[in-house]
């Protein structure tokens, strides 16, 4: 009985592991990602705070976003042509490469302790009064995300990029994440100050 249980657990772990691994080739992905480097950096660590860091992001999430850009479900005049030149294998390869890179964690602005504390409170506890759920419920206490659920890693991401995306969700301009529109609902319940604060906190999260 114990042996059977051990075998079953091993098989489940194996299946779960395979389900979260990229099908792409990171070596091929590095070659195919040259067009991405101008904005996102050779290793996926962009220097422009308007553009996201891709390093260390879950491959499955990157593949999904590339398919959204190609289909126009996520509207971006720059990304649509970039995503469109990649076939399905190309998206998997590029995603495998960037997911294998190490994200460079930023530094949260701690010049205003109350502002930093607000960001941490929203990320870890949400706002019960306005109905904002804790960010870490989906994205993890250290911002590592959840690849199985396609929740992206947030740790170390540029504060400005996070802020822009939250406003996009709140305004309904970014609407492609899921049928329940969870992010659109939650972001719309946040004040501008809360959005800036949690974005700042996430930039230094690891």
N, C-alpha and C. Protein backbone atom coordinates (compact mmCIF):
# COMPACT_ATOMS: atom_id res chain seq x y z
N UNK A 1 0.83 -1.21 0.00
CA UNK A 1 0.00 0.00 0.00
C UNK A 1 0.87 1.26 0.00
N UNK A 2 1.91 1.23 0.83
CA UNK A 2 2.79 2.38 0.92
C UNK A 2 3.51 2.60 -0.40
N UNK A 3 3.95 1.47 -1.03
CA UNK A 3 4.66 1.59 -2.30
C UNK A 3 3.75 2.19 -3.36
N UNK A 4 2.48 1.74 -3.38
CA UNK A 4 1.52 2.26 -4.36
C UNK A 4 1.28 3.75 -4.16
N UNK A 5 1.19 4.16 -2.88
CA UNK A 5 0.99 5.57 -2.57
C UNK A 5 2.19 6.39 -3.03
N UNK A 6 3.38 5.84 -2.79
CA UNK A 6 4.60 6.55 -3.19
C UNK A 6 4.65 6.71 -4.70
N UNK A 7 4.28 5.63 -5.41
CA UNK A 7 4.29 5.68 -6.87
C UNK A 7 3.28 6.70 -7.38
N UNK A 8 2.08 6.72 -6.76
CA UNK A 8 1.04 7.66 -7.17
C UNK A 8 1.48 9.10 -6.96
N UNK A 9 2.07 9.37 -5.80
CA UNK A 9 2.55 10.73 -5.52
C UNK A 9 3.63 11.14 -6.50
N UNK A 10 4.54 10.20 -6.80
CA UNK A 10 5.61 10.49 -7.75
C UNK A 10 5.05 10.83 -9.12
N UNK A 11 4.02 10.06 -9.56
CA UNK A 11 3.41 10.32 -10.86
C UNK A 11 2.71 11.67 -10.88
N UNK A 12 2.01 12.00 -9.80
CA UNK A 12 1.32 13.28 -9.74
C UNK A 12 2.30 14.44 -9.79
N UNK A 13 3.40 14.31 -9.04
CA UNK A 13 4.42 15.35 -9.06
C UNK A 13 5.01 15.49 -10.46
N UNK A 14 5.26 14.34 -11.09
CA UNK A 14 5.83 14.36 -12.43
C UNK A 14 4.91 15.04 -13.41
N UNK A 15 3.61 14.70 -13.36
CA UNK A 15 2.64 15.30 -14.27
C UNK A 15 2.52 16.80 -14.01
N UNK A 16 2.47 17.17 -12.73
CA UNK A 16 2.38 18.58 -12.38
C UNK A 16 3.59 19.36 -12.83
N UNK A 17 4.76 18.71 -12.70
CA UNK A 17 5.99 19.39 -13.12
C UNK A 17 5.99 19.61 -14.61
N UNK A 18 5.59 18.57 -15.36
CA UNK A 18 5.58 18.70 -16.80
C UNK A 18 4.59 19.75 -17.26
N UNK A 19 3.49 19.88 -16.53
CA UNK A 19 2.45 20.83 -16.93
C UNK A 19 2.92 22.27 -16.80
N UNK A 20 3.92 22.50 -15.96
CA UNK A 20 4.36 23.88 -15.74
C UNK A 20 5.68 24.18 -16.44
N UNK A 21 6.21 23.23 -17.18
CA UNK A 21 7.45 23.47 -17.87
C UNK A 21 7.21 24.00 -19.28
N UNK A 22 8.13 24.80 -19.77
CA UNK A 22 8.00 25.31 -21.12
C UNK A 22 8.32 24.21 -22.11
N UNK A 23 7.55 24.17 -23.20
CA UNK A 23 7.82 23.19 -24.26
C UNK A 23 8.90 23.70 -25.19
N UNK A 24 9.27 24.95 -25.04
CA UNK A 24 10.22 25.56 -25.95
C UNK A 24 11.67 25.26 -25.63
N UNK A 25 12.53 25.69 -26.54
CA UNK A 25 13.97 25.52 -26.42
C UNK A 25 14.59 26.89 -26.09
N UNK A 26 15.13 27.05 -24.89
CA UNK A 26 15.67 28.36 -24.50
C UNK A 26 16.85 28.81 -25.35
N UNK A 27 17.63 27.85 -25.88
CA UNK A 27 18.76 28.21 -26.74
C UNK A 27 18.26 28.82 -28.04
N UNK A 28 17.27 28.15 -28.63
CA UNK A 28 16.66 28.69 -29.84
C UNK A 28 15.94 29.99 -29.53
N UNK A 29 15.34 30.04 -28.34
CA UNK A 29 14.61 31.24 -27.93
C UNK A 29 15.50 32.46 -27.82
N UNK A 30 16.73 32.27 -27.37
CA UNK A 30 17.66 33.39 -27.27
C UNK A 30 17.94 33.99 -28.63
N UNK A 31 18.09 33.13 -29.63
CA UNK A 31 18.33 33.60 -31.00
C UNK A 31 17.11 34.32 -31.56
N UNK A 32 15.93 33.81 -31.23
CA UNK A 32 14.69 34.39 -31.77
C UNK A 32 14.26 35.65 -31.01
N UNK A 33 14.89 35.89 -29.87
CA UNK A 33 14.47 37.03 -29.03
C UNK A 33 15.24 38.31 -29.33
N UNK A 34 16.07 38.29 -30.36
CA UNK A 34 16.89 39.48 -30.64
C UNK A 34 16.03 40.71 -30.89
N UNK A 35 14.85 40.53 -31.51
CA UNK A 35 13.96 41.66 -31.76
C UNK A 35 13.37 42.22 -30.47
N UNK A 36 13.38 41.40 -29.41
CA UNK A 36 12.80 41.82 -28.13
C UNK A 36 13.77 42.67 -27.31
N UNK A 37 15.07 42.50 -27.60
CA UNK A 37 16.12 43.08 -26.75
C UNK A 37 16.07 44.60 -26.68
N UNK A 38 15.68 45.25 -27.77
CA UNK A 38 15.70 46.71 -27.80
C UNK A 38 14.84 47.31 -26.70
N UNK A 39 13.72 46.67 -26.41
CA UNK A 39 12.81 47.19 -25.38
C UNK A 39 12.95 46.46 -24.05
N UNK A 40 13.12 45.14 -24.11
CA UNK A 40 13.07 44.33 -22.89
C UNK A 40 14.45 43.92 -22.37
N UNK A 41 15.51 44.27 -23.09
CA UNK A 41 16.84 43.89 -22.66
C UNK A 41 17.22 42.51 -23.17
N UNK A 42 18.51 42.30 -23.37
CA UNK A 42 18.99 41.02 -23.88
C UNK A 42 18.59 39.88 -22.97
N UNK A 43 18.63 40.12 -21.67
CA UNK A 43 18.28 39.07 -20.70
C UNK A 43 16.88 39.22 -20.14
N UNK A 44 16.08 40.09 -20.75
CA UNK A 44 14.71 40.28 -20.28
C UNK A 44 14.54 41.27 -19.17
N UNK A 45 15.60 41.97 -18.80
CA UNK A 45 15.52 43.00 -17.76
C UNK A 45 15.54 44.38 -18.42
N UNK A 46 14.35 44.88 -18.71
CA UNK A 46 14.26 46.17 -19.38
C UNK A 46 14.75 47.30 -18.48
N UNK A 47 15.27 48.33 -19.10
CA UNK A 47 15.75 49.49 -18.34
C UNK A 47 14.72 50.62 -18.35
N UNK A 48 13.82 50.59 -19.30
CA UNK A 48 12.76 51.60 -19.38
C UNK A 48 11.60 51.15 -18.49
N UNK A 49 11.22 51.93 -17.49
CA UNK A 49 10.17 51.51 -16.55
C UNK A 49 8.79 51.37 -17.18
N UNK A 50 8.63 51.86 -18.41
CA UNK A 50 7.36 51.72 -19.11
C UNK A 50 7.20 50.32 -19.71
N UNK A 51 8.33 49.63 -19.88
CA UNK A 51 8.31 48.31 -20.52
C UNK A 51 8.61 47.23 -19.49
N UNK A 52 7.88 46.13 -19.52
CA UNK A 52 8.01 45.12 -18.46
C UNK A 52 9.31 44.33 -18.52
N UNK A 53 9.73 43.88 -17.37
CA UNK A 53 10.80 42.90 -17.29
C UNK A 53 10.19 41.53 -17.62
N UNK A 54 10.84 40.79 -18.51
CA UNK A 54 10.37 39.47 -18.88
C UNK A 54 11.18 38.36 -18.22
N UNK A 55 12.33 38.71 -17.70
CA UNK A 55 13.21 37.72 -17.08
C UNK A 55 12.52 37.05 -15.89
N UNK A 56 12.57 35.72 -15.86
CA UNK A 56 12.00 34.99 -14.75
C UNK A 56 10.49 34.86 -14.78
N UNK A 57 9.86 35.41 -15.81
CA UNK A 57 8.40 35.29 -15.90
C UNK A 57 8.03 33.88 -16.35
N UNK A 58 6.89 33.39 -15.90
CA UNK A 58 6.46 32.04 -16.27
C UNK A 58 6.28 31.93 -17.78
N UNK A 59 6.83 30.87 -18.35
CA UNK A 59 6.77 30.69 -19.79
C UNK A 59 5.34 30.63 -20.30
N UNK A 60 4.47 29.93 -19.58
CA UNK A 60 3.09 29.79 -20.03
C UNK A 60 2.38 31.15 -20.09
N UNK A 61 2.70 32.01 -19.15
CA UNK A 61 2.10 33.34 -19.14
C UNK A 61 2.60 34.16 -20.32
N UNK A 62 3.90 34.08 -20.60
CA UNK A 62 4.46 34.81 -21.73
C UNK A 62 3.86 34.34 -23.05
N UNK A 63 3.69 33.03 -23.19
CA UNK A 63 3.09 32.47 -24.40
C UNK A 63 1.67 33.01 -24.58
N UNK A 64 0.93 33.03 -23.48
CA UNK A 64 -0.44 33.52 -23.54
C UNK A 64 -0.49 34.98 -23.98
N UNK A 65 0.39 35.82 -23.40
CA UNK A 65 0.39 37.23 -23.74
C UNK A 65 0.79 37.46 -25.20
N UNK A 66 1.75 36.70 -25.69
CA UNK A 66 2.16 36.83 -27.09
C UNK A 66 1.01 36.48 -28.02
N UNK A 67 0.25 35.45 -27.67
CA UNK A 67 -0.89 35.07 -28.49
C UNK A 67 -1.97 36.16 -28.45
N UNK A 68 -2.14 36.80 -27.29
CA UNK A 68 -3.10 37.89 -27.17
C UNK A 68 -2.68 39.08 -28.04
N UNK A 69 -1.40 39.42 -28.01
CA UNK A 69 -0.91 40.53 -28.83
C UNK A 69 -1.12 40.23 -30.31
N UNK A 70 -0.79 39.02 -30.72
CA UNK A 70 -0.94 38.65 -32.12
C UNK A 70 -2.40 38.74 -32.57
N UNK A 71 -3.30 38.28 -31.72
CA UNK A 71 -4.72 38.26 -32.07
C UNK A 71 -5.38 39.63 -31.90
N UNK A 72 -4.67 40.56 -31.27
CA UNK A 72 -5.25 41.87 -31.04
C UNK A 72 -6.13 41.94 -29.82
N UNK A 73 -6.20 40.86 -29.06
CA UNK A 73 -6.99 40.86 -27.82
C UNK A 73 -6.37 41.77 -26.77
N UNK A 74 -5.06 41.88 -26.84
CA UNK A 74 -4.36 42.85 -26.01
C UNK A 74 -3.80 43.88 -26.98
N UNK A 75 -4.33 45.06 -26.94
CA UNK A 75 -4.06 46.08 -27.95
C UNK A 75 -2.74 46.80 -27.68
N UNK A 76 -1.80 46.63 -28.59
CA UNK A 76 -0.52 47.32 -28.48
C UNK A 76 0.10 47.38 -29.87
N UNK A 77 0.22 48.60 -30.40
CA UNK A 77 0.68 48.77 -31.77
C UNK A 77 2.11 48.29 -31.98
N UNK A 78 2.91 48.32 -30.94
CA UNK A 78 4.30 47.86 -31.05
C UNK A 78 4.39 46.34 -30.95
N UNK A 79 3.65 45.77 -30.01
CA UNK A 79 3.77 44.34 -29.75
C UNK A 79 3.07 43.47 -30.78
N UNK A 80 2.03 43.96 -31.40
CA UNK A 80 1.30 43.12 -32.37
C UNK A 80 2.19 42.63 -33.50
N UNK A 81 2.93 43.52 -34.18
CA UNK A 81 3.81 43.02 -35.25
C UNK A 81 4.95 42.16 -34.74
N UNK A 82 5.44 42.46 -33.54
CA UNK A 82 6.52 41.66 -32.97
C UNK A 82 6.05 40.24 -32.69
N UNK A 83 4.85 40.13 -32.12
CA UNK A 83 4.31 38.81 -31.80
C UNK A 83 3.90 38.05 -33.05
N UNK A 84 3.50 38.79 -34.08
CA UNK A 84 2.99 38.16 -35.30
C UNK A 84 4.06 37.46 -36.12
N UNK A 85 5.33 37.85 -35.94
CA UNK A 85 6.40 37.20 -36.71
C UNK A 85 6.81 35.86 -36.09
N UNK A 86 6.30 35.57 -34.90
CA UNK A 86 6.62 34.31 -34.24
C UNK A 86 5.51 33.30 -34.47
N UNK A 87 5.88 32.08 -34.89
CA UNK A 87 4.88 31.03 -34.95
C UNK A 87 4.74 30.42 -33.55
N UNK A 88 3.92 29.39 -33.43
CA UNK A 88 3.66 28.80 -32.12
C UNK A 88 4.94 28.31 -31.46
N UNK A 89 5.81 27.65 -32.23
CA UNK A 89 7.06 27.17 -31.67
C UNK A 89 7.96 28.32 -31.28
N UNK A 90 7.95 29.39 -32.08
CA UNK A 90 8.76 30.56 -31.76
C UNK A 90 8.34 31.20 -30.46
N UNK A 91 7.04 31.26 -30.21
CA UNK A 91 6.56 31.83 -28.95
C UNK A 91 7.01 30.96 -27.77
N UNK A 92 6.95 29.66 -27.95
CA UNK A 92 7.38 28.77 -26.87
C UNK A 92 8.87 28.89 -26.62
N UNK A 93 9.66 29.01 -27.68
CA UNK A 93 11.11 29.13 -27.53
C UNK A 93 11.50 30.43 -26.84
N UNK A 94 10.92 31.54 -27.28
CA UNK A 94 11.22 32.84 -26.68
C UNK A 94 10.79 32.86 -25.21
N UNK A 95 9.62 32.29 -24.94
CA UNK A 95 9.13 32.24 -23.57
C UNK A 95 10.05 31.39 -22.69
N UNK A 96 10.53 30.29 -23.25
CA UNK A 96 11.44 29.42 -22.49
C UNK A 96 12.74 30.15 -22.17
N UNK A 97 13.23 30.94 -23.11
CA UNK A 97 14.47 31.69 -22.88
C UNK A 97 14.29 32.72 -21.77
N UNK A 98 13.27 33.58 -21.89
CA UNK A 98 13.11 34.63 -20.90
C UNK A 98 12.76 34.06 -19.51
N UNK A 99 12.01 32.98 -19.48
CA UNK A 99 11.67 32.40 -18.18
C UNK A 99 12.90 31.81 -17.49
N UNK A 100 13.92 31.49 -18.26
CA UNK A 100 15.14 30.91 -17.69
C UNK A 100 16.10 31.96 -17.17
N UNK A 101 15.82 33.23 -17.45
CA UNK A 101 16.68 34.31 -17.01
C UNK A 101 16.30 34.78 -15.60
N UNK A 102 17.21 35.43 -14.95
CA UNK A 102 16.98 35.89 -13.58
C UNK A 102 16.56 37.36 -13.58
N UNK A 103 15.42 37.63 -12.96
CA UNK A 103 14.95 39.00 -12.90
C UNK A 103 15.81 39.81 -11.93
N UNK A 104 16.10 41.04 -12.31
CA UNK A 104 16.85 41.95 -11.45
C UNK A 104 15.83 42.73 -10.62
N UNK A 105 15.86 42.49 -9.32
CA UNK A 105 14.90 43.12 -8.42
C UNK A 105 15.20 44.60 -8.27
N UNK A 106 14.15 45.40 -8.34
CA UNK A 106 14.32 46.83 -8.17
C UNK A 106 14.32 47.21 -6.70
N UNK A 107 14.23 48.49 -6.45
CA UNK A 107 14.22 49.00 -5.08
C UNK A 107 12.97 49.86 -4.90
N UNK A 108 12.19 49.55 -3.90
CA UNK A 108 11.01 50.35 -3.61
C UNK A 108 11.43 51.69 -3.00
N UNK A 109 10.70 52.74 -3.33
CA UNK A 109 10.96 54.06 -2.76
C UNK A 109 10.46 54.06 -1.31
N UNK A 110 11.40 54.18 -0.37
CA UNK A 110 11.02 54.16 1.05
C UNK A 110 11.17 55.53 1.69
N UNK A 111 11.17 56.58 0.85
CA UNK A 111 11.32 57.93 1.40
C UNK A 111 10.11 58.35 2.24
N UNK A 112 8.96 57.73 1.94
CA UNK A 112 7.75 57.98 2.73
C UNK A 112 7.31 56.65 3.33
N UNK A 113 7.65 56.39 4.59
CA UNK A 113 7.33 55.11 5.23
C UNK A 113 5.84 54.77 5.20
N UNK A 114 4.98 55.78 5.35
CA UNK A 114 3.54 55.53 5.34
C UNK A 114 3.07 55.06 3.96
N UNK A 115 3.65 55.63 2.92
CA UNK A 115 3.30 55.25 1.55
C UNK A 115 3.75 53.83 1.26
N UNK A 116 4.95 53.48 1.70
CA UNK A 116 5.46 52.13 1.52
C UNK A 116 4.61 51.13 2.31
N UNK A 117 4.23 51.52 3.52
CA UNK A 117 3.40 50.65 4.35
C UNK A 117 2.02 50.42 3.72
N UNK A 118 1.49 51.44 3.07
CA UNK A 118 0.20 51.30 2.38
C UNK A 118 0.31 50.27 1.26
N UNK A 119 1.40 50.34 0.50
CA UNK A 119 1.60 49.38 -0.58
C UNK A 119 1.70 47.96 -0.07
N UNK A 120 2.43 47.79 1.01
CA UNK A 120 2.57 46.46 1.60
C UNK A 120 1.22 45.96 2.12
N UNK A 121 0.46 46.86 2.73
CA UNK A 121 -0.84 46.46 3.29
C UNK A 121 -1.80 46.02 2.19
N UNK A 122 -1.82 46.75 1.09
CA UNK A 122 -2.70 46.37 -0.03
C UNK A 122 -2.25 45.04 -0.61
N UNK A 123 -0.95 44.88 -0.79
CA UNK A 123 -0.44 43.64 -1.39
C UNK A 123 -0.74 42.44 -0.50
N UNK A 124 -0.58 42.58 0.80
CA UNK A 124 -0.68 41.44 1.71
C UNK A 124 -2.07 41.27 2.33
N UNK A 125 -2.82 42.35 2.44
CA UNK A 125 -4.12 42.25 3.12
C UNK A 125 -5.28 42.79 2.31
N UNK A 126 -4.99 43.53 1.25
CA UNK A 126 -6.07 44.14 0.47
C UNK A 126 -6.72 45.29 1.21
N UNK A 127 -7.95 45.58 0.84
CA UNK A 127 -8.72 46.62 1.50
C UNK A 127 -10.13 46.08 1.68
N UNK A 128 -10.45 45.64 2.87
CA UNK A 128 -11.75 45.02 3.14
C UNK A 128 -12.90 46.00 2.96
N UNK A 129 -12.64 47.27 3.20
CA UNK A 129 -13.69 48.28 3.10
C UNK A 129 -14.16 48.44 1.66
N UNK A 130 -13.19 48.51 0.73
CA UNK A 130 -13.54 48.73 -0.68
C UNK A 130 -13.66 47.43 -1.48
N UNK A 131 -13.35 46.31 -0.83
CA UNK A 131 -13.49 45.03 -1.50
C UNK A 131 -12.33 44.67 -2.40
N UNK A 132 -11.14 45.16 -2.07
CA UNK A 132 -9.93 44.81 -2.82
C UNK A 132 -9.25 43.63 -2.15
N UNK A 133 -9.11 42.54 -2.88
CA UNK A 133 -8.47 41.35 -2.32
C UNK A 133 -6.97 41.54 -2.26
N UNK A 134 -6.33 40.80 -1.37
CA UNK A 134 -4.87 40.85 -1.25
C UNK A 134 -4.22 40.33 -2.52
N UNK A 135 -3.24 41.07 -3.03
CA UNK A 135 -2.54 40.67 -4.25
C UNK A 135 -1.85 39.32 -4.08
N UNK A 136 -1.34 39.08 -2.88
CA UNK A 136 -0.56 37.87 -2.68
C UNK A 136 -1.43 36.61 -2.72
N UNK A 137 -2.75 36.77 -2.66
CA UNK A 137 -3.62 35.62 -2.75
C UNK A 137 -3.45 34.88 -4.07
N UNK A 138 -3.15 35.61 -5.13
CA UNK A 138 -2.92 35.00 -6.45
C UNK A 138 -1.45 35.03 -6.85
N UNK A 139 -0.75 36.09 -6.47
CA UNK A 139 0.62 36.28 -6.93
C UNK A 139 1.68 35.84 -5.94
N UNK A 140 1.24 35.35 -4.77
CA UNK A 140 2.18 34.80 -3.80
C UNK A 140 2.77 35.83 -2.88
N UNK A 141 3.18 35.42 -1.67
CA UNK A 141 3.73 36.35 -0.70
C UNK A 141 5.03 37.02 -1.15
N UNK A 142 5.78 36.33 -2.03
CA UNK A 142 7.03 36.93 -2.53
C UNK A 142 6.90 37.36 -3.98
N UNK A 143 5.67 37.36 -4.51
CA UNK A 143 5.45 37.82 -5.88
C UNK A 143 5.86 36.83 -6.95
N UNK A 144 5.99 35.55 -6.58
CA UNK A 144 6.44 34.55 -7.54
C UNK A 144 5.35 34.12 -8.50
N UNK A 145 4.09 34.46 -8.22
CA UNK A 145 3.00 34.09 -9.10
C UNK A 145 2.61 32.63 -8.97
N UNK A 146 1.78 32.18 -9.88
CA UNK A 146 1.30 30.79 -9.89
C UNK A 146 1.22 30.32 -11.33
N UNK A 147 2.24 29.61 -11.82
CA UNK A 147 2.25 29.21 -13.23
C UNK A 147 1.10 28.29 -13.61
N UNK A 148 0.67 27.44 -12.68
CA UNK A 148 -0.40 26.50 -12.99
C UNK A 148 -1.71 27.24 -13.28
N UNK A 149 -1.92 28.37 -12.60
CA UNK A 149 -3.14 29.17 -12.79
C UNK A 149 -2.91 30.33 -13.76
N UNK A 150 -1.71 30.40 -14.33
CA UNK A 150 -1.33 31.48 -15.25
C UNK A 150 -1.39 32.85 -14.59
N UNK A 151 -1.09 32.90 -13.29
CA UNK A 151 -0.94 34.18 -12.60
C UNK A 151 0.52 34.59 -12.68
N UNK A 152 0.82 35.74 -13.24
CA UNK A 152 2.21 36.12 -13.48
C UNK A 152 3.01 36.43 -12.22
N UNK A 153 4.31 36.26 -12.34
CA UNK A 153 5.22 36.72 -11.29
C UNK A 153 5.26 38.24 -11.34
N UNK A 154 5.25 38.87 -10.19
CA UNK A 154 5.29 40.33 -10.12
C UNK A 154 6.56 40.85 -9.48
N UNK A 155 7.27 40.01 -8.76
CA UNK A 155 8.41 40.47 -7.96
C UNK A 155 9.43 41.22 -8.81
N UNK A 156 9.81 42.39 -8.31
CA UNK A 156 10.84 43.17 -8.96
C UNK A 156 10.42 43.91 -10.20
N UNK A 157 9.15 43.80 -10.59
CA UNK A 157 8.69 44.46 -11.81
C UNK A 157 8.73 45.98 -11.64
N UNK A 158 8.93 46.70 -12.74
CA UNK A 158 8.95 48.16 -12.67
C UNK A 158 7.64 48.69 -12.09
N UNK A 159 7.75 49.62 -11.16
CA UNK A 159 6.57 50.22 -10.54
C UNK A 159 5.70 50.92 -11.59
N UNK A 160 6.33 51.62 -12.50
CA UNK A 160 5.58 52.37 -13.51
C UNK A 160 4.79 51.42 -14.40
N UNK A 161 5.37 50.30 -14.77
CA UNK A 161 4.67 49.34 -15.61
C UNK A 161 3.47 48.76 -14.85
N UNK A 162 3.67 48.39 -13.60
CA UNK A 162 2.57 47.85 -12.78
C UNK A 162 1.46 48.89 -12.66
N UNK A 163 1.85 50.13 -12.40
CA UNK A 163 0.85 51.20 -12.27
C UNK A 163 0.05 51.35 -13.56
N UNK A 164 0.73 51.34 -14.69
CA UNK A 164 0.04 51.49 -15.98
C UNK A 164 -0.93 50.34 -16.22
N UNK A 165 -0.52 49.12 -15.89
CA UNK A 165 -1.38 47.97 -16.12
C UNK A 165 -2.60 47.99 -15.22
N UNK A 166 -2.42 48.39 -13.97
CA UNK A 166 -3.55 48.48 -13.06
C UNK A 166 -4.56 49.52 -13.54
N UNK A 167 -4.06 50.64 -14.06
CA UNK A 167 -4.97 51.65 -14.61
C UNK A 167 -5.66 51.10 -15.86
N UNK A 168 -4.93 50.32 -16.64
CA UNK A 168 -5.52 49.70 -17.82
C UNK A 168 -6.66 48.76 -17.46
N UNK A 169 -6.44 47.97 -16.43
CA UNK A 169 -7.51 47.08 -15.95
C UNK A 169 -8.70 47.90 -15.43
N UNK A 170 -8.39 48.92 -14.63
CA UNK A 170 -9.45 49.73 -14.02
C UNK A 170 -10.29 50.45 -15.07
N UNK A 171 -9.64 50.90 -16.15
CA UNK A 171 -10.33 51.64 -17.21
C UNK A 171 -11.00 50.73 -18.24
N UNK A 172 -10.75 49.41 -18.11
CA UNK A 172 -11.34 48.48 -19.06
C UNK A 172 -10.58 48.36 -20.37
N UNK A 173 -9.37 48.94 -20.42
CA UNK A 173 -8.58 48.87 -21.66
C UNK A 173 -7.83 47.54 -21.78
N UNK A 174 -7.59 46.92 -20.65
CA UNK A 174 -6.98 45.60 -20.66
C UNK A 174 -8.04 44.63 -20.12
N UNK A 175 -8.59 43.83 -21.00
CA UNK A 175 -9.79 43.07 -20.64
C UNK A 175 -9.68 41.57 -20.93
N UNK A 176 -8.49 41.09 -21.18
CA UNK A 176 -8.38 39.73 -21.73
C UNK A 176 -8.00 38.64 -20.74
N UNK A 177 -7.94 38.95 -19.47
CA UNK A 177 -7.34 37.98 -18.56
C UNK A 177 -8.20 36.75 -18.25
N UNK A 178 -9.45 36.94 -17.90
CA UNK A 178 -10.31 35.80 -17.61
C UNK A 178 -11.77 36.21 -17.68
N UNK A 179 -12.63 35.20 -17.74
CA UNK A 179 -14.06 35.46 -17.93
C UNK A 179 -14.65 36.26 -16.78
N UNK A 180 -14.13 36.07 -15.58
CA UNK A 180 -14.68 36.77 -14.41
C UNK A 180 -14.18 38.21 -14.32
N UNK A 181 -13.21 38.56 -15.15
CA UNK A 181 -12.66 39.93 -15.14
C UNK A 181 -12.21 40.35 -13.75
N UNK A 182 -11.53 39.43 -13.08
CA UNK A 182 -11.13 39.66 -11.70
C UNK A 182 -10.27 40.91 -11.55
N UNK A 183 -9.25 41.05 -12.40
CA UNK A 183 -8.35 42.19 -12.26
C UNK A 183 -9.04 43.50 -12.58
N UNK A 184 -9.93 43.49 -13.56
CA UNK A 184 -10.66 44.71 -13.88
C UNK A 184 -11.50 45.18 -12.70
N UNK A 185 -12.15 44.24 -12.04
CA UNK A 185 -13.00 44.58 -10.89
C UNK A 185 -12.16 45.10 -9.73
N UNK A 186 -11.09 44.38 -9.40
CA UNK A 186 -10.28 44.76 -8.25
C UNK A 186 -9.58 46.10 -8.48
N UNK A 187 -8.99 46.28 -9.67
CA UNK A 187 -8.27 47.52 -9.95
C UNK A 187 -9.22 48.72 -9.94
N UNK A 188 -10.44 48.51 -10.39
CA UNK A 188 -11.40 49.62 -10.43
C UNK A 188 -11.81 50.07 -9.03
N UNK A 189 -11.57 49.23 -8.03
CA UNK A 189 -11.92 49.57 -6.65
C UNK A 189 -10.76 50.25 -5.91
N UNK A 190 -9.62 50.36 -6.58
CA UNK A 190 -8.45 50.96 -5.94
C UNK A 190 -8.35 52.43 -6.25
N UNK A 191 -7.89 53.20 -5.27
CA UNK A 191 -7.65 54.63 -5.50
C UNK A 191 -6.32 54.77 -6.25
N UNK A 192 -6.11 55.94 -6.84
CA UNK A 192 -4.84 56.19 -7.53
C UNK A 192 -3.66 56.05 -6.58
N UNK A 193 -3.86 56.50 -5.35
CA UNK A 193 -2.79 56.40 -4.36
C UNK A 193 -2.49 54.93 -4.04
N UNK A 194 -3.52 54.12 -3.90
CA UNK A 194 -3.31 52.69 -3.62
C UNK A 194 -2.59 52.01 -4.77
N UNK A 195 -2.95 52.37 -5.99
CA UNK A 195 -2.29 51.80 -7.17
C UNK A 195 -0.82 52.15 -7.18
N UNK A 196 -0.51 53.41 -6.95
CA UNK A 196 0.90 53.84 -6.93
C UNK A 196 1.65 53.16 -5.80
N UNK A 197 1.01 53.05 -4.66
CA UNK A 197 1.67 52.48 -3.48
C UNK A 197 1.98 51.00 -3.67
N UNK A 198 1.02 50.22 -4.17
CA UNK A 198 1.25 48.79 -4.33
C UNK A 198 2.24 48.53 -5.45
N UNK A 199 2.23 49.37 -6.48
CA UNK A 199 3.20 49.24 -7.57
C UNK A 199 4.61 49.49 -7.06
N UNK A 200 4.75 50.50 -6.21
CA UNK A 200 6.05 50.80 -5.62
C UNK A 200 6.53 49.65 -4.75
N UNK A 201 5.63 49.09 -3.96
CA UNK A 201 6.00 47.98 -3.09
C UNK A 201 6.44 46.76 -3.90
N UNK A 202 5.72 46.45 -4.97
CA UNK A 202 6.03 45.30 -5.82
C UNK A 202 7.41 45.44 -6.46
N UNK A 203 7.81 46.66 -6.79
CA UNK A 203 9.11 46.87 -7.43
C UNK A 203 10.26 46.34 -6.58
N UNK A 204 10.13 46.38 -5.28
CA UNK A 204 11.18 45.90 -4.41
C UNK A 204 10.90 44.54 -3.81
N UNK A 205 9.81 43.91 -4.24
CA UNK A 205 9.39 42.64 -3.66
C UNK A 205 10.23 41.48 -4.18
N UNK A 206 10.62 40.58 -3.27
CA UNK A 206 11.35 39.37 -3.67
C UNK A 206 11.31 38.35 -2.53
